[in-house]
C-alpha atoms as a PDB file:
ATOM      1  CA  ILE A   1    -166.960 -16.262 -17.041  1.00  0.00           C
ATOM      2  CA  PRO A   2    -167.518 -19.056 -19.558  1.00  0.00           C
ATOM      3  CA  TRP A   3    -165.532 -18.688 -22.767  1.00  0.00           C
ATOM      4  CA  GLU A   4    -168.766 -18.442 -24.792  1.00  0.00           C
ATOM      5  CA  THR A   5    -169.552 -15.027 -23.285  1.00  0.00           C
ATOM      6  CA  ALA A   6    -166.119 -13.678 -22.292  1.00  0.00           C
ATOM      7  CA  ASP A   7    -165.333 -10.179 -23.504  1.00  0.00           C
ATOM      8  CA  PRO A   8    -161.960  -9.652 -25.183  1.00  0.00           C
ATOM      9  CA  GLY A   9    -159.160  -9.046 -22.691  1.00  0.00           C
ATOM     10  CA  ILE A  10    -160.872 -10.697 -19.706  1.00  0.00           C
ATOM     11  CA  GLU A  11    -159.970 -14.388 -19.763  1.00  0.00           C
ATOM     12  CA  PRO A  12    -156.352 -15.561 -19.538  1.00  0.00           C
ATOM     13  CA  ARG A  13    -154.969 -17.354 -22.571  1.00  0.00           C
ATOM     14  CA  LEU A  14    -154.610 -21.119 -22.306  1.00  0.00           C
ATOM     15  CA  PRO A  15    -151.265 -22.553 -23.385  1.00  0.00           C
ATOM     16  CA  ARG A  16    -151.027 -24.044 -26.855  1.00  0.00           C
ATOM     17  CA  PRO A  17    -151.891 -27.731 -26.759  1.00  0.00           C
ATOM     18  CA  TYR A  18    -148.729 -28.694 -28.676  1.00  0.00           C
ATOM     19  CA  ALA A  19    -145.732 -27.005 -30.288  1.00  0.00           C
ATOM     20  CA  ASP A  20    -146.648 -24.825 -33.281  1.00  0.00           C
ATOM     21  CA  ALA A  21    -150.399 -25.172 -32.643  1.00  0.00           C
ATOM     22  CA  PRO A  22    -152.324 -22.021 -33.592  1.00  0.00           C
ATOM     23  CA  PRO A  23    -153.133 -19.931 -30.505  1.00  0.00           C
ATOM     24  CA  LEU A  24    -156.638 -20.366 -29.127  1.00  0.00           C
ATOM     25  CA  ILE A  25    -159.056 -17.412 -29.058  1.00  0.00           C
ATOM     26  CA  PRO A  26    -159.579 -16.419 -25.386  1.00  0.00           C
ATOM     27  CA  HIS A  27    -162.900 -14.608 -25.881  1.00  0.00           C
ATOM     28  CA  ALA A  28    -166.351 -15.053 -27.377  1.00  0.00           C
ATOM     29  CA  ILE A  29    -166.452 -14.702 -31.159  1.00  0.00           C
ATOM     30  CA  VAL A  30    -170.177 -14.826 -31.955  1.00  0.00           C
ATOM     31  CA  ASP A  31    -170.308 -11.036 -32.390  1.00  0.00           C
ATOM     32  CA  PHE A  32    -167.381 -11.145 -34.845  1.00  0.00           C
ATOM     33  CA  LEU A  33    -168.785 -13.770 -37.200  1.00  0.00           C
ATOM     34  CA  PRO A  34    -169.153 -14.384 -40.012  1.00  0.00           C
ATOM     35  CA  ILE A  35    -165.835 -13.332 -41.473  1.00  0.00           C
ATOM     36  CA  ARG A  36    -166.644 -12.226 -45.001  1.00  0.00           C
ATOM     37  CA  ARG A  37    -164.633 -11.580 -48.101  1.00  0.00           C
ATOM     38  CA  ASP A  38    -164.933  -7.818 -47.520  1.00  0.00           C
ATOM     39  CA  SER A  39    -164.995  -7.798 -43.720  1.00  0.00           C
ATOM     40  CA  ASN A  40    -162.768  -9.322 -41.055  1.00  0.00           C
ATOM     41  CA  PRO A  41    -163.696  -7.898 -37.618  1.00  0.00           C
ATOM     42  CA  CYS A  42    -160.704  -9.648 -36.020  1.00  0.00           C
ATOM     43  CA  LEU A  43    -158.410  -7.118 -37.672  1.00  0.00           C
ATOM     44  CA  GLU A  44    -160.014  -4.198 -35.817  1.00  0.00           C
ATOM     45  CA  CYS A  45    -158.108  -5.304 -32.704  1.00  0.00           C
ATOM     46  CA  HIS A  46    -155.493  -7.713 -34.054  1.00  0.00           C
ATOM     47  CA  GLY A  47    -154.442  -5.921 -37.264  1.00  0.00           C
ATOM     48  CA  PRO A  48    -150.847  -4.825 -37.895  1.00  0.00           C
ATOM     49  CA  ASP A  49    -151.597  -1.282 -36.631  1.00  0.00           C
ATOM     50  CA  SER A  50    -152.934  -2.470 -33.264  1.00  0.00           C
ATOM     51  CA  ASP A  51    -149.616  -3.032 -31.528  1.00  0.00           C
ATOM     52  CA  ASP A  52    -150.535  -1.519 -28.163  1.00  0.00           C
ATOM     53  CA  GLY A  53    -148.920  -4.287 -26.127  1.00  0.00           C
ATOM     54  CA  LEU A  54    -152.281  -5.510 -24.833  1.00  0.00           C
ATOM     55  CA  VAL A  55    -153.505  -7.643 -27.729  1.00  0.00           C
ATOM     56  CA  VAL A  56    -151.786 -10.164 -29.936  1.00  0.00           C
ATOM     57  CA  THR A  57    -151.287  -8.650 -33.375  1.00  0.00           C
ATOM     58  CA  VAL A  58    -151.326 -10.556 -36.641  1.00  0.00           C
ATOM     59  CA  PRO A  59    -147.818 -11.995 -36.995  1.00  0.00           C
ATOM     60  CA  GLN A  60    -145.614 -11.112 -39.933  1.00  0.00           C
ATOM     61  CA  SER A  61    -146.025 -14.637 -41.335  1.00  0.00           C
ATOM     62  CA  HIS A  62    -149.737 -13.923 -41.897  1.00  0.00           C
ATOM     63  CA  ARG A  63    -148.838 -10.990 -44.161  1.00  0.00           C
ATOM     64  CA  VAL A  64    -146.764 -13.028 -46.633  1.00  0.00           C
ATOM     65  CA  ASP A  65    -148.234 -14.691 -49.720  1.00  0.00           C
ATOM     66  CA  TRP A  66    -146.210 -17.900 -49.483  1.00  0.00           C
ATOM     67  CA  ARG A  67    -147.407 -19.152 -52.900  1.00  0.00           C
ATOM     68  CA  ARG A  68    -146.955 -16.079 -55.096  1.00  0.00           C
ATOM     69  CA  ASP A  69    -144.384 -13.865 -53.358  1.00  0.00           C
ATOM     70  CA  PRO A  70    -142.743 -15.616 -50.386  1.00  0.00           C
ATOM     71  CA  GLY A  71    -140.057 -12.967 -49.977  1.00  0.00           C
ATOM     72  CA  THR A  72    -142.362  -9.999 -49.406  1.00  0.00           C
ATOM     73  CA  VAL A  73    -144.121  -8.911 -46.228  1.00  0.00           C
ATOM     74  CA  THR A  74    -147.085  -6.646 -46.984  1.00  0.00           C
ATOM     75  CA  ARG A  75    -149.303  -4.418 -44.838  1.00  0.00           C
ATOM     76  CA  LEU A  76    -152.293  -6.600 -45.710  1.00  0.00           C
ATOM     77  CA  LEU A  77    -153.254 -10.026 -44.468  1.00  0.00           C
ATOM     78  CA  ALA A  78    -152.482 -12.718 -47.063  1.00  0.00           C
ATOM     79  CA  GLY A  79    -155.618 -14.079 -48.707  1.00  0.00           C
ATOM     80  CA  SER A  80    -154.948 -17.587 -47.442  1.00  0.00           C
ATOM     81  CA  ARG A  81    -154.937 -16.219 -43.873  1.00  0.00           C
ATOM     82  CA  TRP A  82    -158.085 -14.058 -44.159  1.00  0.00           C
ATOM     83  CA  VAL A  83    -160.491 -16.424 -42.371  1.00  0.00           C
ATOM     84  CA  CYS A  84    -158.916 -16.586 -38.910  1.00  0.00           C
ATOM     85  CA  THR A  85    -161.263 -19.334 -37.699  1.00  0.00           C
ATOM     86  CA  SER A  86    -159.831 -21.743 -40.264  1.00  0.00           C
ATOM     87  CA  CYS A  87    -156.992 -22.308 -37.777  1.00  0.00           C
ATOM     88  CA  HIS A  88    -157.874 -20.426 -34.588  1.00  0.00           C
ATOM     89  CA  VAL A  89    -160.735 -21.659 -32.416  1.00  0.00           C
ATOM     90  CA  PRO A  90    -162.216 -20.344 -29.167  1.00  0.00           C
ATOM     91  CA  GLN A  91    -160.565 -21.834 -26.109  1.00  0.00           C
ATOM     92  CA  ALA A  92    -162.578 -24.071 -23.851  1.00  0.00           C
ATOM     93  CA  GLU A  93    -161.824 -26.494 -21.090  1.00  0.00           C
ATOM     94  CA  THR A  94    -163.872 -29.470 -22.173  1.00  0.00           C
ATOM     95  CA  PRO A  95    -163.374 -33.206 -21.847  1.00  0.00           C
ATOM     96  CA  ALA A  96    -162.094 -34.967 -24.923  1.00  0.00           C
ATOM     97  CA  PRO A  97    -164.970 -36.707 -26.742  1.00  0.00           C
ATOM     98  CA  VAL A  98    -162.677 -39.658 -27.498  1.00  0.00           C
ATOM     99  CA  GLY A  99    -159.701 -40.993 -25.563  1.00  0.00           C
ATOM    100  CA  ASN A 100    -156.383 -39.658 -26.808  1.00  0.00           C
ATOM    101  CA  GLY A 101    -152.880 -40.759 -25.913  1.00  0.00           C
ATOM    102  CA  PHE A 102    -151.112 -37.992 -27.881  1.00  0.00           C
ATOM    103  CA  LYS A 103    -147.958 -36.716 -26.203  1.00  0.00           C
ATOM    104  CA  SER A 104    -146.238 -33.564 -27.390  1.00  0.00           C
ATOM    105  CA  PRO A 105    -142.531 -34.155 -28.108  1.00  0.00           C
END
C-alpha cells in the first residue's frame, strides 16, 4: 500500500532519519487536514487519553509551554505544538531530489 493511501495502523514505521528527528507519519493524512485553530484530528487517536499501546501518544514534551511555564505539564497540547505537520511529515521512500552526503553522528 503506498503511503498516500495507507490507513492508520497498517504500514510499519520507518526509522527516524537522524537522532532527534521528529517521527514520520506512517499513514495517509489527507482526511485529517487541514489542522485548524479549533480542530486537530490527530488528537483523536494520538491525544494524551489514547494510550492503548497501539498508537503513539503525544509525548509529555508536547504538553509543556516552554516559553511561558516550562515547569508545568498540562493535559492540553501546547499552542506551539498544535499544528503537528509543522514538524511531522508523512513517510515515503523516495529518492533524494539532490545529492546529500549527510551522515548521522
